[in-house]
Amino acid sequence: MNSTTKFVSSLAASATAFAFMSVVSLSAATAAEYPSKPITLVAPYGAGGASDMASRTMASVLPSYLNQPVMVVNRTGAGGITGSASVNKSKPDGYTLLLARIGSQTVSPAMRANIPYKYDDFTMLAVIELNPVICATASSKPYKTLKEFIDAVKANPGKLSFSSAGVGSMLHVAVPLILKLTGVKNPKEAMNHVPYKGGGNAATAAVGGHVDLICTNSSALAGHIAGGKLRPLVITTKKRHAVAPNAPTARELGYPELEVLVGWSGIYGPPGMDPKVVAKLRAALQKVKKDKAWNKFTKALGSVPNILDGPATKKFVDQQFNVFNNLVTELDMRIE
């Protein structure tokens, strides 16, 4: 190698090293300045459902701890998959986050083989709330108890219907599980499944009597129950809940296995986020945990405030995925 070639090679190596160090320095500076502009929080289901309400409640208080606005965008479709996939593929700079839901993040990945992400293909920042599941029917319907409803299903196989937030949502799995546990034959076919774009629309269909049953998160039904438009038949909490004080628990009715049906919301980011940005977001969420307004709003929606740290979030979500993966296999509901 002559002196000219050596000089050129040395120059190229120096330029590469300088470019690398510049990128590292820029990345460090960007992380240190984060956040320097508004943050988008994607709600992957429609207005009025648990995802929408949890995202807007969080967006109302999180700016106080990040010093930047948080804007909610409803990006609906495919049972929450469309919005989740958009965040999964977004730039991992912390400016696009996801209001993660049990359906889009654990049930759909367990049920559907062809979705564009895996359940753990995100930066899991925190689980923020739990939602007891309530099964309810319109007050105009004749069913006063869960037993009366199940008897009607047995007497009229394939005639009654239930709504959900979409194929692959937790609500989609909940009803067949209940039918199986209560002795209904062919639980997948015993009722007609009517999917909607989000829990809010699914609840509205039940209120209007367009379907016979809805089993969904308490936050989506609290107002309808309080207004007397829906009659709760069962709730999955271990003890009776203030959102539906007259609803018997699954355990009271002899079906403690239904306690696995519990909704939840979390805040996720795309994979590959800068650890320093992750740390800032997690620290802000831990401050929200003590925020009186957020706790008040969340409880008023019928949800249970439950902000977990990073490791606890990962452990919880792993357990949830395994529960629904096993349920989908048991109920033969996997979509290839």
C-alpha atoms as a PDB file:
ATOM      1  CA  MET A   1       0.000   0.000   0.000  1.00  0.00           C
ATOM      2  CA  ASN A   2       1.595   3.321  -1.064  1.00  0.00           C
ATOM      3  CA  SER A   3       1.531   6.516   0.992  1.00  0.00           C
ATOM      4  CA  THR A   4      -1.345   8.028  -1.016  1.00  0.00           C
ATOM      5  CA  THR A   5      -3.534   4.944  -0.513  1.00  0.00           C
ATOM      6  CA  LYS A   6      -2.706   4.923   3.205  1.00  0.00           C
ATOM      7  CA  PHE A   7      -3.630   8.586   3.482  1.00  0.00           C
ATOM      8  CA  VAL A   8      -6.984   8.059   1.699  1.00  0.00           C
ATOM      9  CA  SER A   9      -7.788   5.018   3.867  1.00  0.00           C
ATOM     10  CA  SER A  10      -6.906   6.939   7.014  1.00  0.00           C
ATOM     11  CA  LEU A  11      -9.027   9.884   5.923  1.00  0.00           C
ATOM     12  CA  ALA A  12     -12.014   7.607   5.179  1.00  0.00           C
ATOM     13  CA  ALA A  13     -11.678   5.911   8.566  1.00  0.00           C
ATOM     14  CA  SER A  14     -11.522   9.281  10.333  1.00  0.00           C
ATOM     15  CA  ALA A  15     -14.611  10.489   8.463  1.00  0.00           C
ATOM     16  CA  THR A  16     -16.511   7.335   9.398  1.00  0.00           C
ATOM     17  CA  ALA A  17     -15.516   7.674  13.048  1.00  0.00           C
ATOM     18  CA  PHE A  18     -16.451  11.366  13.042  1.00  0.00           C
ATOM     19  CA  ALA A  19     -19.852  10.582  11.478  1.00  0.00           C
ATOM     20  CA  PHE A  20     -20.462   7.854  14.060  1.00  0.00           C
ATOM     21  CA  MET A  21     -19.502  10.107  16.968  1.00  0.00           C
ATOM     22  CA  SER A  22     -21.706  12.872  15.534  1.00  0.00           C
ATOM     23  CA  VAL A  23     -24.706  10.530  15.401  1.00  0.00           C
ATOM     24  CA  VAL A  24     -24.039   9.365  18.975  1.00  0.00           C
ATOM     25  CA  SER A  25     -23.664  12.972  20.178  1.00  0.00           C
ATOM     26  CA  LEU A  26     -26.829  14.028  18.352  1.00  0.00           C
ATOM     27  CA  SER A  27     -28.728  11.082  19.803  1.00  0.00           C
ATOM     28  CA  ALA A  28     -27.531  11.918  23.320  1.00  0.00           C
ATOM     29  CA  ALA A  29     -28.450  15.577  22.868  1.00  0.00           C
ATOM     30  CA  THR A  30     -31.877  14.639  21.502  1.00  0.00           C
ATOM     31  CA  ALA A  31     -32.523  12.350  24.455  1.00  0.00           C
ATOM     32  CA  ALA A  32     -31.398  15.055  26.885  1.00  0.00           C
ATOM     33  CA  GLU A  33     -33.786  17.583  25.311  1.00  0.00           C
ATOM     34  CA  TYR A  34     -36.752  15.189  25.188  1.00  0.00           C
ATOM     35  CA  PRO A  35     -39.519  16.129  24.927  1.00  0.00           C
ATOM     36  CA  SER A  36     -39.070  19.284  22.864  1.00  0.00           C
ATOM     37  CA  LYS A  37     -42.360  19.118  20.930  1.00  0.00           C
ATOM     38  CA  PRO A  38     -45.912  17.712  21.334  1.00  0.00           C
ATOM     39  CA  ILE A  39     -46.391  13.955  21.750  1.00  0.00           C
ATOM     40  CA  THR A  40     -48.996  11.957  19.839  1.00  0.00           C
ATOM     41  CA  LEU A  41     -50.864   9.252  21.746  1.00  0.00           C
ATOM     42  CA  VAL A  42     -52.595   6.819  19.384  1.00  0.00           C
ATOM     43  CA  ALA A  43     -55.865   5.281  20.592  1.00  0.00           C
ATOM     44  CA  PRO A  44     -56.397   2.219  18.364  1.00  0.00           C
ATOM     45  CA  TYR A  45     -60.156   1.952  18.941  1.00  0.00           C
ATOM     46  CA  GLY A  46     -63.091   4.280  18.311  1.00  0.00           C
ATOM     47  CA  ALA A  47     -64.462   7.135  20.397  1.00  0.00           C
ATOM     48  CA  GLY A  48     -66.304   6.290  23.603  1.00  0.00           C
ATOM     49  CA  GLY A  49     -64.573   2.995  24.330  1.00  0.00           C
ATOM     50  CA  ALA A  50     -62.066   2.105  27.029  1.00  0.00           C
ATOM     51  CA  SER A  51     -59.074   2.946  24.806  1.00  0.00           C
ATOM     52  CA  ASP A  52     -60.407   6.377  23.908  1.00  0.00           C
ATOM     53  CA  MET A  53     -61.377   7.322  27.467  1.00  0.00           C
ATOM     54  CA  ALA A  54     -58.118   6.076  29.001  1.00  0.00           C
ATOM     55  CA  SER A  55     -56.050   7.952  26.409  1.00  0.00           C
ATOM     56  CA  ARG A  56     -57.890  11.237  26.908  1.00  0.00           C
ATOM     57  CA  THR A  57     -57.733  10.937  30.683  1.00  0.00           C
ATOM     58  CA  MET A  58     -53.988  10.353  30.503  1.00  0.00           C
ATOM     59  CA  ALA A  59     -53.511  13.159  27.948  1.00  0.00           C
ATOM     60  CA  SER A  60     -55.223  15.593  30.311  1.00  0.00           C
ATOM     61  CA  VAL A  61     -52.594  15.165  33.051  1.00  0.00           C
ATOM     62  CA  LEU A  62     -49.363  13.834  31.475  1.00  0.00           C
ATOM     63  CA  PRO A  63     -48.368  17.235  29.996  1.00  0.00           C
ATOM     64  CA  SER A  64     -47.944  18.543  33.553  1.00  0.00           C
ATOM     65  CA  TYR A  65     -45.046  16.120  34.030  1.00  0.00           C
ATOM     66  CA  LEU A  66     -43.500  16.340  30.536  1.00  0.00           C
ATOM     67  CA  ASN A  67     -43.999  20.064  29.826  1.00  0.00           C
ATOM     68  CA  GLN A  68     -45.363  19.297  26.363  1.00  0.00           C
ATOM     69  CA  PRO A  69     -48.907  18.757  25.047  1.00  0.00           C
ATOM     70  CA  VAL A  70     -50.135  15.205  24.464  1.00  0.00           C
ATOM     71  CA  MET A  71     -52.482  14.913  21.492  1.00  0.00           C
ATOM     72  CA  VAL A  72     -54.836  11.931  21.172  1.00  0.00           C
ATOM     73  CA  VAL A  73     -55.388  10.495  17.704  1.00  0.00           C
ATOM     74  CA  ASN A  74     -57.958   7.729  17.110  1.00  0.00           C
ATOM     75  CA  ARG A  75     -56.476   5.404  14.490  1.00  0.00           C
ATOM     76  CA  THR A  76     -59.050   2.634  14.243  1.00  0.00           C
ATOM     77  CA  GLY A  77     -59.458  -0.566  12.280  1.00  0.00           C
ATOM     78  CA  ALA A  78     -58.978  -4.343  12.416  1.00  0.00           C
ATOM     79  CA  GLY A  79     -59.791  -4.640  16.116  1.00  0.00           C
ATOM     80  CA  GLY A  80     -57.080  -2.223  17.240  1.00  0.00           C
ATOM     81  CA  ILE A  81     -54.396  -3.710  14.971  1.00  0.00           C
ATOM     82  CA  THR A  82     -54.244  -0.764  12.557  1.00  0.00           C
ATOM     83  CA  GLY A  83     -53.368   1.817  15.213  1.00  0.00           C
ATOM     84  CA  SER A  84     -51.030  -0.532  17.062  1.00  0.00           C
ATOM     85  CA  ALA A  85     -49.163  -1.418  13.867  1.00  0.00           C
ATOM     86  CA  SER A  86     -48.743   2.268  12.990  1.00  0.00           C
ATOM     87  CA  VAL A  87     -46.992   2.905  16.311  1.00  0.00           C
ATOM     88  CA  ASN A  88     -44.960  -0.275  15.995  1.00  0.00           C
ATOM     89  CA  LYS A  89     -43.539   1.016  12.692  1.00  0.00           C
ATOM     90  CA  SER A  90     -43.118   4.652  13.764  1.00  0.00           C
ATOM     91  CA  LYS A  91     -39.841   6.407  14.537  1.00  0.00           C
ATOM     92  CA  PRO A  92     -38.678   5.335  18.030  1.00  0.00           C
ATOM     93  CA  ASP A  93     -38.062   8.893  19.240  1.00  0.00           C
ATOM     94  CA  GLY A  94     -40.744   8.983  21.943  1.00  0.00           C
ATOM     95  CA  TYR A  95     -43.064  11.338  20.066  1.00  0.00           C
ATOM     96  CA  THR A  96     -45.501   8.645  18.945  1.00  0.00           C
ATOM     97  CA  LEU A  97     -46.943   6.470  21.702  1.00  0.00           C
ATOM     98  CA  LEU A  98     -49.732   3.906  21.892  1.00  0.00           C
ATOM     99  CA  LEU A  99     -52.625   3.517  24.298  1.00  0.00           C
ATOM    100  CA  ALA A 100     -52.174  -0.252  24.465  1.00  0.00           C
ATOM    101  CA  ARG A 101     -55.216  -2.412  25.150  1.00  0.00           C
ATOM    102  CA  ILE A 102     -55.622  -6.025  26.169  1.00  0.00           C
ATOM    103  CA  GLY A 103     -57.285  -6.902  22.861  1.00  0.00           C
ATOM    104  CA  SER A 104     -54.824  -5.353  20.434  1.00  0.00           C
ATOM    105  CA  GLN A 105     -51.726  -6.288  22.463  1.00  0.00           C
ATOM    106  CA  THR A 106     -52.458  -9.775  23.866  1.00  0.00           C
ATOM    107  CA  VAL A 107     -55.692 -11.323  22.547  1.00  0.00           C
ATOM    108  CA  SER A 108     -55.188 -10.530  18.849  1.00  0.00           C
ATOM    109  CA  PRO A 109     -51.533 -11.670  18.850  1.00  0.00           C
ATOM    110  CA  ALA A 110     -52.696 -14.911  20.506  1.00  0.00           C
ATOM    111  CA  MET A 111     -55.655 -15.404  18.168  1.00  0.00           C
ATOM    112  CA  ARG A 112     -54.422 -14.162  14.792  1.00  0.00           C
ATOM    113  CA  ALA A 113     -51.359 -15.511  13.046  1.00  0.00           C
ATOM    114  CA  ASN A 114     -51.207 -12.840  10.350  1.00  0.00           C
ATOM    115  CA  ILE A 115     -50.982  -9.558  12.278  1.00  0.00           C
ATOM    116  CA  PRO A 116     -47.897  -7.375  11.575  1.00  0.00           C
ATOM    117  CA  TYR A 117     -46.411  -7.475  15.081  1.00  0.00           C
ATOM    118  CA  LYS A 118     -45.900  -9.793  18.037  1.00  0.00           C
ATOM    119  CA  TYR A 119     -47.275  -9.053  21.476  1.00  0.00           C
ATOM    120  CA  ASP A 120     -43.856  -8.105  22.850  1.00  0.00           C
ATOM    121  CA  ASP A 121     -42.652  -6.204  19.776  1.00  0.00           C
ATOM    122  CA  PHE A 122     -43.002  -2.830  21.537  1.00  0.00           C
ATOM    123  CA  THR A 123     -41.345  -0.771  24.252  1.00  0.00           C
ATOM    124  CA  MET A 124     -43.686  -1.447  27.179  1.00  0.00           C
ATOM    125  CA  LEU A 125     -43.596   1.728  29.261  1.00  0.00           C
ATOM    126  CA  ALA A 126     -46.309   1.008  31.832  1.00  0.00           C
ATOM    127  CA  VAL A 127     -49.629  -0.673  32.466  1.00  0.00           C
ATOM    128  CA  ILE A 128     -51.788   2.194  33.764  1.00  0.00           C
ATOM    129  CA  GLU A 129     -55.203   0.778  34.710  1.00  0.00           C
ATOM    130  CA  LEU A 130     -57.328  -2.341  35.109  1.00  0.00           C
ATOM    131  CA  ASN A 131     -60.918  -2.695  33.919  1.00  0.00           C
ATOM    132  CA  PRO A 132     -63.294  -5.205  35.505  1.00  0.00           C
ATOM    133  CA  VAL A 133     -65.383  -6.960  32.865  1.00  0.00           C
ATOM    134  CA  ILE A 134     -69.163  -6.731  33.072  1.00  0.00           C
ATOM    135  CA  CYS A 135     -71.669  -8.736  31.061  1.00  0.00           C
ATOM    136  CA  ALA A 136     -74.849  -6.729  30.525  1.00  0.00           C
ATOM    137  CA  THR A 137     -78.026  -6.673  28.522  1.00  0.00           C
ATOM    138  CA  ALA A 138     -80.357  -3.837  27.589  1.00  0.00           C
ATOM    139  CA  SER A 139     -82.861  -2.982  30.295  1.00  0.00           C
ATOM    140  CA  SER A 140     -85.579  -3.547  27.691  1.00  0.00           C
ATOM    141  CA  LYS A 141     -84.563  -7.207  27.380  1.00  0.00           C
ATOM    142  CA  PRO A 142     -86.356  -9.798  29.544  1.00  0.00           C
ATOM    143  CA  TYR A 143     -83.226 -11.334  31.123  1.00  0.00           C
ATOM    144  CA  LYS A 144     -82.853 -10.493  34.822  1.00  0.00           C
ATOM    145  CA  THR A 145     -80.005 -12.884  35.688  1.00  0.00           C
ATOM    146  CA  LEU A 146     -77.113 -14.616  33.963  1.00  0.00           C
ATOM    147  CA  LYS A 147     -78.908 -17.950  34.409  1.00  0.00           C
ATOM    148  CA  GLU A 148     -81.993 -16.637  32.610  1.00  0.00           C
ATOM    149  CA  PHE A 149     -79.816 -15.456  29.755  1.00  0.00           C
ATOM    150  CA  ILE A 150     -77.914 -18.741  29.478  1.00  0.00           C
ATOM    151  CA  ASP A 151     -81.201 -20.673  29.543  1.00  0.00           C
ATOM    152  CA  ALA A 152     -82.397 -18.552  26.618  1.00  0.00           C
ATOM    153  CA  VAL A 153     -79.197 -19.297  24.670  1.00  0.00           C
ATOM    154  CA  LYS A 154     -79.607 -23.028  25.284  1.00  0.00           C
ATOM    155  CA  ALA A 155     -83.237 -22.889  24.166  1.00  0.00           C
ATOM    156  CA  ASN A 156     -82.426 -20.843  21.056  1.00  0.00           C
ATOM    157  CA  PRO A 157     -79.016 -21.906  19.723  1.00  0.00           C
ATOM    158  CA  GLY A 158     -77.679 -19.517  17.112  1.00  0.00           C
ATOM    159  CA  LYS A 159     -80.486 -16.985  17.630  1.00  0.00           C
ATOM    160  CA  LEU A 160     -79.134 -14.546  20.234  1.00  0.00           C
ATOM    161  CA  SER A 161     -76.244 -12.149  19.558  1.00  0.00           C
ATOM    162  CA  PHE A 162     -73.403 -10.335  21.298  1.00  0.00           C
ATOM    163  CA  SER A 163     -71.316  -7.332  20.313  1.00  0.00           C
ATOM    164  CA  SER A 164     -67.574  -6.816  20.579  1.00  0.00           C
ATOM    165  CA  ALA A 165     -64.882  -4.261  19.770  1.00  0.00           C
ATOM    166  CA  GLY A 166     -63.813  -6.393  16.809  1.00  0.00           C
ATOM    167  CA  VAL A 167     -62.530  -9.816  15.830  1.00  0.00           C
ATOM    168  CA  GLY A 168     -59.657 -10.717  18.124  1.00  0.00           C
ATOM    169  CA  SER A 169     -60.715  -8.397  20.936  1.00  0.00           C
ATOM    170  CA  MET A 170     -60.986  -9.599  24.509  1.00  0.00           C
ATOM    171  CA  LEU A 171     -64.771  -9.147  24.200  1.00  0.00           C
ATOM    172  CA  HIS A 172     -64.754 -11.626  21.315  1.00  0.00           C
ATOM    173  CA  VAL A 173     -63.159 -14.300  23.525  1.00  0.00           C
ATOM    174  CA  ALA A 174     -65.134 -13.510  26.680  1.00  0.00           C
ATOM    175  CA  VAL A 175     -68.584 -14.669  25.563  1.00  0.00           C
ATOM    176  CA  PRO A 176     -67.552 -18.096  24.188  1.00  0.00           C
ATOM    177  CA  LEU A 177     -65.635 -18.687  27.426  1.00  0.00           C
ATOM    178  CA  ILE A 178     -68.723 -17.849  29.499  1.00  0.00           C
ATOM    179  CA  LEU A 179     -70.902 -20.078  27.336  1.00  0.00           C
ATOM    180  CA  LYS A 180     -68.436 -22.950  27.681  1.00  0.00           C
ATOM    181  CA  LEU A 181     -68.233 -22.646  31.463  1.00  0.00           C
ATOM    182  CA  THR A 182     -72.026 -22.477  31.820  1.00  0.00           C
ATOM    183  CA  GLY A 183     -72.562 -25.689  29.883  1.00  0.00           C
ATOM    184  CA  VAL A 184     -73.661 -24.332  26.507  1.00  0.00           C
ATOM    185  CA  LYS A 185     -72.962 -26.750  23.636  1.00  0.00           C
ATOM    186  CA  ASN A 186     -70.843 -25.502  20.724  1.00  0.00           C
ATOM    187  CA  PRO A 187     -69.957 -22.203  22.455  1.00  0.00           C
ATOM    188  CA  LYS A 188     -68.405 -20.721  19.298  1.00  0.00           C
ATOM    189  CA  GLU A 189     -71.640 -21.120  17.326  1.00  0.00           C
ATOM    190  CA  ALA A 190     -74.237 -20.798  20.098  1.00  0.00           C
ATOM    191  CA  MET A 191     -74.505 -17.005  19.669  1.00  0.00           C
ATOM    192  CA  ASN A 192     -73.969 -14.646  16.762  1.00  0.00           C
ATOM    193  CA  HIS A 193     -70.894 -12.444  17.082  1.00  0.00           C
ATOM    194  CA  VAL A 194     -71.391  -8.865  15.853  1.00  0.00           C
ATOM    195  CA  PRO A 195     -68.051  -6.980  15.733  1.00  0.00           C
ATOM    196  CA  TYR A 196     -67.906  -3.173  15.889  1.00  0.00           C
ATOM    197  CA  LYS A 197     -65.113  -0.629  15.575  1.00  0.00           C
ATOM    198  CA  GLY A 198     -64.446  -0.149  19.273  1.00  0.00           C
ATOM    199  CA  GLY A 199     -66.033  -0.842  22.637  1.00  0.00           C
ATOM    200  CA  GLY A 200     -68.047   2.385  22.562  1.00  0.00           C
ATOM    201  CA  ASN A 201     -69.919   1.342  19.431  1.00  0.00           C
ATOM    202  CA  ALA A 202     -70.349  -2.177  20.793  1.00  0.00           C
ATOM    203  CA  ALA A 203     -71.898  -0.761  23.983  1.00  0.00           C
ATOM    204  CA  THR A 204     -74.207   1.533  22.008  1.00  0.00           C
ATOM    205  CA  ALA A 205     -75.473  -1.491  20.062  1.00  0.00           C
ATOM    206  CA  ALA A 206     -76.291  -3.265  23.323  1.00  0.00           C
ATOM    207  CA  VAL A 207     -78.026  -0.197  24.767  1.00  0.00           C
ATOM    208  CA  GLY A 208     -80.188   0.037  21.659  1.00  0.00           C
ATOM    209  CA  GLY A 209     -81.140  -3.630  21.874  1.00  0.00           C
ATOM    210  CA  HIS A 210     -79.502  -4.383  18.516  1.00  0.00           C
ATOM    211  CA  VAL A 211     -77.629  -7.217  20.225  1.00  0.00           C
ATOM    212  CA  ASP A 212     -78.655  -9.269  23.247  1.00  0.00           C
ATOM    213  CA  LEU A 213     -75.452  -9.174  25.290  1.00  0.00           C
ATOM    214  CA  ILE A 214     -72.201  -7.347  25.731  1.00  0.00           C
ATOM    215  CA  CYS A 215     -69.281  -8.424  27.907  1.00  0.00           C
ATOM    216  CA  THR A 216     -66.798  -5.596  28.084  1.00  0.00           C
ATOM    217  CA  ASN A 217     -64.727  -3.316  30.281  1.00  0.00           C
ATOM    218  CA  SER A 218     -66.563  -1.562  33.073  1.00  0.00           C
ATOM    219  CA  SER A 219     -65.294   1.814  31.836  1.00  0.00           C
ATOM    220  CA  ALA A 220     -67.272   1.445  28.595  1.00  0.00           C
ATOM    221  CA  LEU A 221     -70.491   0.514  30.432  1.00  0.00           C
ATOM    222  CA  ALA A 222     -70.410   2.593  33.629  1.00  0.00           C
ATOM    223  CA  GLY A 223     -72.468   5.500  32.279  1.00  0.00           C
ATOM    224  CA  HIS A 224     -75.056   3.234  30.627  1.00  0.00           C
ATOM    225  CA  ILE A 225     -75.480   1.203  33.823  1.00  0.00           C
ATOM    226  CA  ALA A 226     -75.763   4.323  35.984  1.00  0.00           C
ATOM    227  CA  GLY A 227     -78.363   5.699  33.575  1.00  0.00           C
ATOM    228  CA  GLY A 228     -80.432   2.521  33.799  1.00  0.00           C
ATOM    229  CA  LYS A 229     -80.012   1.656  30.114  1.00  0.00           C
ATOM    230  CA  LEU A 230     -78.075  -1.548  30.707  1.00  0.00           C
ATOM    231  CA  ARG A 231     -78.720  -4.321  33.234  1.00  0.00           C
ATOM    232  CA  PRO A 232     -75.481  -5.930  34.498  1.00  0.00           C
ATOM    233  CA  LEU A 233     -75.672  -9.711  34.893  1.00  0.00           C
ATOM    234  CA  VAL A 234     -72.176 -10.520  36.218  1.00  0.00           C
ATOM    235  CA  ILE A 235     -68.861  -8.815  36.988  1.00  0.00           C
ATOM    236  CA  THR A 236     -65.434 -10.483  37.024  1.00  0.00           C
ATOM    237  CA  THR A 237     -64.005  -8.799  40.143  1.00  0.00           C
ATOM    238  CA  LYS A 238     -63.495 -10.923  43.256  1.00  0.00           C
ATOM    239  CA  LYS A 239     -65.743  -8.538  45.183  1.00  0.00           C
ATOM    240  CA  ARG A 240     -68.730  -6.487  44.051  1.00  0.00           C
ATOM    241  CA  HIS A 241     -67.761  -3.202  42.423  1.00  0.00           C
ATOM    242  CA  ALA A 242     -69.188   0.294  42.875  1.00  0.00           C
ATOM    243  CA  VAL A 243     -69.730   0.686  39.121  1.00  0.00           C
ATOM    244  CA  ALA A 244     -72.381  -2.057  39.278  1.00  0.00           C
ATOM    245  CA  PRO A 245     -73.130  -2.738  42.956  1.00  0.00           C
ATOM    246  CA  ASN A 246     -76.093  -4.999  42.178  1.00  0.00           C
ATOM    247  CA  ALA A 247     -74.171  -7.230  39.789  1.00  0.00           C
ATOM    248  CA  PRO A 248     -73.128 -10.563  41.349  1.00  0.00           C
ATOM    249  CA  THR A 249     -69.501 -11.585  40.942  1.00  0.00           C
ATOM    250  CA  ALA A 250     -68.527 -14.556  38.797  1.00  0.00           C
ATOM    251  CA  ARG A 251     -67.297 -16.244  41.955  1.00  0.00           C
ATOM    252  CA  GLU A 252     -70.687 -15.760  43.630  1.00  0.00           C
ATOM    253  CA  LEU A 253     -72.324 -17.469  40.656  1.00  0.00           C
ATOM    254  CA  GLY A 254     -69.918 -20.389  40.806  1.00  0.00           C
ATOM    255  CA  TYR A 255     -67.610 -19.417  37.936  1.00  0.00           C
ATOM    256  CA  PRO A 256     -64.361 -18.121  39.489  1.00  0.00           C
ATOM    257  CA  GLU A 257     -62.541 -19.067  36.260  1.00  0.00           C
ATOM    258  CA  LEU A 258     -64.067 -15.933  34.707  1.00  0.00           C
ATOM    259  CA  GLU A 259     -61.816 -13.764  36.863  1.00  0.00           C
ATOM    260  CA  VAL A 260     -59.137 -14.114  34.151  1.00  0.00           C
ATOM    261  CA  LEU A 261     -61.274 -11.694  32.125  1.00  0.00           C
ATOM    262  CA  VAL A 262     -59.910  -8.337  33.170  1.00  0.00           C
ATOM    263  CA  GLY A 263     -59.266  -5.470  30.794  1.00  0.00           C
ATOM    264  CA  TRP A 264     -56.254  -3.190  31.027  1.00  0.00           C
ATOM    265  CA  SER A 265     -54.668  -0.181  29.400  1.00  0.00           C
ATOM    266  CA  GLY A 266     -50.985   0.600  29.030  1.00  0.00           C
ATOM    267  CA  ILE A 267     -48.660   3.111  27.410  1.00  0.00           C
ATOM    268  CA  TYR A 268     -46.348   1.615  24.772  1.00  0.00           C
ATOM    269  CA  GLY A 269     -43.796   2.974  22.359  1.00  0.00           C
ATOM    270  CA  PRO A 270     -42.194   1.515  19.235  1.00  0.00           C
ATOM    271  CA  PRO A 271     -39.343  -0.976  19.669  1.00  0.00           C
ATOM    272  CA  GLY A 272     -35.814   0.399  19.905  1.00  0.00           C
ATOM    273  CA  MET A 273     -36.466   3.549  21.924  1.00  0.00           C
ATOM    274  CA  ASP A 274     -33.555   5.371  23.560  1.00  0.00           C
ATOM    275  CA  PRO A 275     -33.241   4.127  27.180  1.00  0.00           C
ATOM    276  CA  LYS A 276     -32.955   7.727  28.418  1.00  0.00           C
ATOM    277  CA  VAL A 277     -36.252   8.675  26.744  1.00  0.00           C
ATOM    278  CA  VAL A 278     -37.855   5.526  28.149  1.00  0.00           C
ATOM    279  CA  ALA A 279     -36.634   6.463  31.620  1.00  0.00           C
ATOM    280  CA  LYS A 280     -38.123   9.985  31.311  1.00  0.00           C
ATOM    281  CA  LEU A 281     -41.504   8.645  30.200  1.00  0.00           C
ATOM    282  CA  ARG A 282     -41.608   6.016  32.929  1.00  0.00           C
ATOM    283  CA  ALA A 283     -40.666   8.606  35.556  1.00  0.00           C
ATOM    284  CA  ALA A 284     -43.479  10.886  34.346  1.00  0.00           C
ATOM    285  CA  LEU A 285     -45.986   8.021  34.481  1.00  0.00           C
ATOM    286  CA  GLN A 286     -44.954   7.197  38.033  1.00  0.00           C
ATOM    287  CA  LYS A 287     -45.759  10.813  38.933  1.00  0.00           C
ATOM    288  CA  VAL A 288     -49.177  10.448  37.284  1.00  0.00           C
ATOM    289  CA  LYS A 289     -49.709   7.458  39.597  1.00  0.00           C
ATOM    290  CA  LYS A 290     -49.976   9.949  42.498  1.00  0.00           C
ATOM    291  CA  ASP A 291     -51.949  12.558  40.557  1.00  0.00           C
ATOM    292  CA  LYS A 292     -55.253  13.143  42.377  1.00  0.00           C
ATOM    293  CA  ALA A 293     -57.113  14.325  39.264  1.00  0.00           C
ATOM    294  CA  TRP A 294     -56.039  11.331  37.192  1.00  0.00           C
ATOM    295  CA  ASN A 295     -56.992   8.898  39.946  1.00  0.00           C
ATOM    296  CA  LYS A 296     -60.368  10.586  40.365  1.00  0.00           C
ATOM    297  CA  PHE A 297     -61.140  10.591  36.621  1.00  0.00           C
ATOM    298  CA  THR A 298     -60.020   6.975  36.201  1.00  0.00           C
ATOM    299  CA  LYS A 299     -62.147   5.733  39.089  1.00  0.00           C
ATOM    300  CA  ALA A 300     -65.135   7.731  37.823  1.00  0.00           C
ATOM    301  CA  LEU A 301     -64.909   5.761  34.572  1.00  0.00           C
ATOM    302  CA  GLY A 302     -65.225   2.507  36.509  1.00  0.00           C
ATOM    303  CA  SER A 303     -61.543   1.600  36.104  1.00  0.00           C
ATOM    304  CA  VAL A 304     -58.932   0.740  38.719  1.00  0.00           C
ATOM    305  CA  PRO A 305     -55.809   2.983  38.699  1.00  0.00           C
ATOM    306  CA  ASN A 306     -52.833   0.630  38.494  1.00  0.00           C
ATOM    307  CA  ILE A 307     -49.626   2.179  37.116  1.00  0.00           C
ATOM    308  CA  LEU A 308     -46.865  -0.444  37.120  1.00  0.00           C
ATOM    309  CA  ASP A 309     -43.145   0.080  36.678  1.00  0.00           C
ATOM    310  CA  GLY A 310     -41.226  -1.357  33.719  1.00  0.00           C
ATOM    311  CA  PRO A 311     -40.373  -4.860  35.009  1.00  0.00           C
ATOM    312  CA  ALA A 312     -43.829  -5.342  36.579  1.00  0.00           C
ATOM    313  CA  THR A 313     -45.455  -4.263  33.308  1.00  0.00           C
ATOM    314  CA  LYS A 314     -43.459  -6.823  31.298  1.00  0.00           C
ATOM    315  CA  LYS A 315     -44.311  -9.598  33.775  1.00  0.00           C
ATOM    316  CA  PHE A 316     -48.031  -8.700  33.763  1.00  0.00           C
ATOM    317  CA  VAL A 317     -48.282  -8.541  29.948  1.00  0.00           C
ATOM    318  CA  ASP A 318     -46.414 -11.834  29.542  1.00  0.00           C
ATOM    319  CA  GLN A 319     -48.878 -13.506  31.913  1.00  0.00           C
ATOM    320  CA  GLN A 320     -51.856 -11.980  30.081  1.00  0.00           C
ATOM    321  CA  PHE A 321     -50.611 -13.207  26.718  1.00  0.00           C
ATOM    322  CA  ASN A 322     -50.129 -16.725  28.070  1.00  0.00           C
ATOM    323  CA  VAL A 323     -53.654 -16.746  29.554  1.00  0.00           C
ATOM    324  CA  PHE A 324     -55.289 -15.781  26.266  1.00  0.00           C
ATOM    325  CA  ASN A 325     -53.007 -17.939  24.156  1.00  0.00           C
ATOM    326  CA  ASN A 326     -54.162 -20.919  26.226  1.00  0.00           C
ATOM    327  CA  LEU A 327     -57.824 -19.813  26.068  1.00  0.00           C
ATOM    328  CA  VAL A 328     -57.763 -19.403  22.301  1.00  0.00           C
ATOM    329  CA  THR A 329     -56.298 -22.901  21.979  1.00  0.00           C
ATOM    330  CA  GLU A 330     -58.851 -24.371  24.396  1.00  0.00           C
ATOM    331  CA  LEU A 331     -61.791 -22.711  22.642  1.00  0.00           C
ATOM    332  CA  ASP A 332     -60.416 -23.493  19.166  1.00  0.00           C
ATOM    333  CA  MET A 333     -60.638 -19.816  18.159  1.00  0.00           C
ATOM    334  CA  ARG A 334     -57.248 -19.328  16.497  1.00  0.00           C
ATOM    335  CA  ILE A 335     -57.402 -17.671  13.085  1.00  0.00           C
ATOM    336  CA  GLU A 336     -54.644 -18.897  10.769  1.00  0.00           C
END
